[in-house]
Amino acid sequence: MPSPLLDRNGAFTQPIGQNEHRVARMSLASVPAYWLYDEPREQRFPDALHIERISARSAPRDWRIEPHRHQDMAQFFLIASGGGLVRVDGVEHRLIPGTVLLLPPLAIHEFRFNPDTEGFVASVATSTLTPLFEAEPALGAVLSEAFVDRRGPNDAGTAELAMTMEAALAEFGRNRGSRELALAAHARLIAIWFARIARSHAVANSGSNDARAVLVRRFIERVESHFHTHEPLDAYARDLGVTGPHLTRVCREVLGHSAMRVIQGRLMIEARRDLVYTRSPVSQIAFRLGFSDPAYFSRFFAARAGMSPSEYRAAG
């Protein structure tokens, strides 16, 4: 009997959060962390790059990948055919042929692929990319946030990226001399391709070895550890040795949006995670995120999500 989630062409017809297979709400701490999905956390893959076809891991699992995250690893996806849905930190995105998807470390994500979806997923340890970020800090800035870009199957850049990932897959499947060096080179080339796409996605472009990108990356790292304290922007800027207006201007140049949006966006990511993946009351989520007034948190959330926290949870 056909699944009620699929149309006659085998495509998913309902959001992830509205189907009968929805995962029960859990604490964020219980969202599993893997190196590779459904493999023991301690079983770290030994290569600089792990790359496989999407069907290799998804088809045996009925095209469903449940909520999880990766501690010290970024993932780069290219959908060649088929599609489906992905939820990243509580936000759902449609996948079509020609979609590229970047998942930075710790992003909580789950997939519902249409049957027979094909493409690539490259998993890269952050240590593999560190030399790249040191050589061109702008790459670290633009690859620090998840993004989904539905470029379409006829995009020339997507076709070149597909060839790049196909070559990486061929190298991964062989045991030739200097294999680890070759895989590291492929991993960094894939990261550069995604950084180029991310820059155009964010309507931003910064120069190689640009001090602006170094500043933005330091700012993002500080936001990651302090967003729940609600430090004013000037405090972030002072700690970074610049003024608030300068930090805002540099963020606009590198990321395509303001410094305040970086802070607020990080709060929204955490709020969505809690609303989707935990049973915590809205008031408790507000306090955990540093809001002294749950009503103000609800207004803050609604202004950015277009619905209240309770409505968002019910819809998800």
Foldseek 3Di string as FASTA:
>chain_A
DDDPQQDPVQAGDDDQCPDPPNDPFDDLVPAAADLDAPDDNVPHDDAQKDKDKPCVPQVVVQNKGHKHFYAFKKKKWAWQAFWFWKAWLQRIDTTHHGKIKIDGGPTIMITRTRPPTITMMMMGGVVLCVVVCVFFVLLVLLRVDIDMDRPDNPDPLSVVLRVLSVVLVVLVPDDDPPSRVVNSVSVNVNSVSVSVVSCVVQVADDDGPDVLSVLSNVLLVVLVVCLLQPDDQQVSQVVSPHGSVVQQVSCCRSRVGGSVCSSLVVLLSQLSNCLARHPDDLVVSCVSSNHPDSVVVQVSNCVPVVHGSVVSSVSD
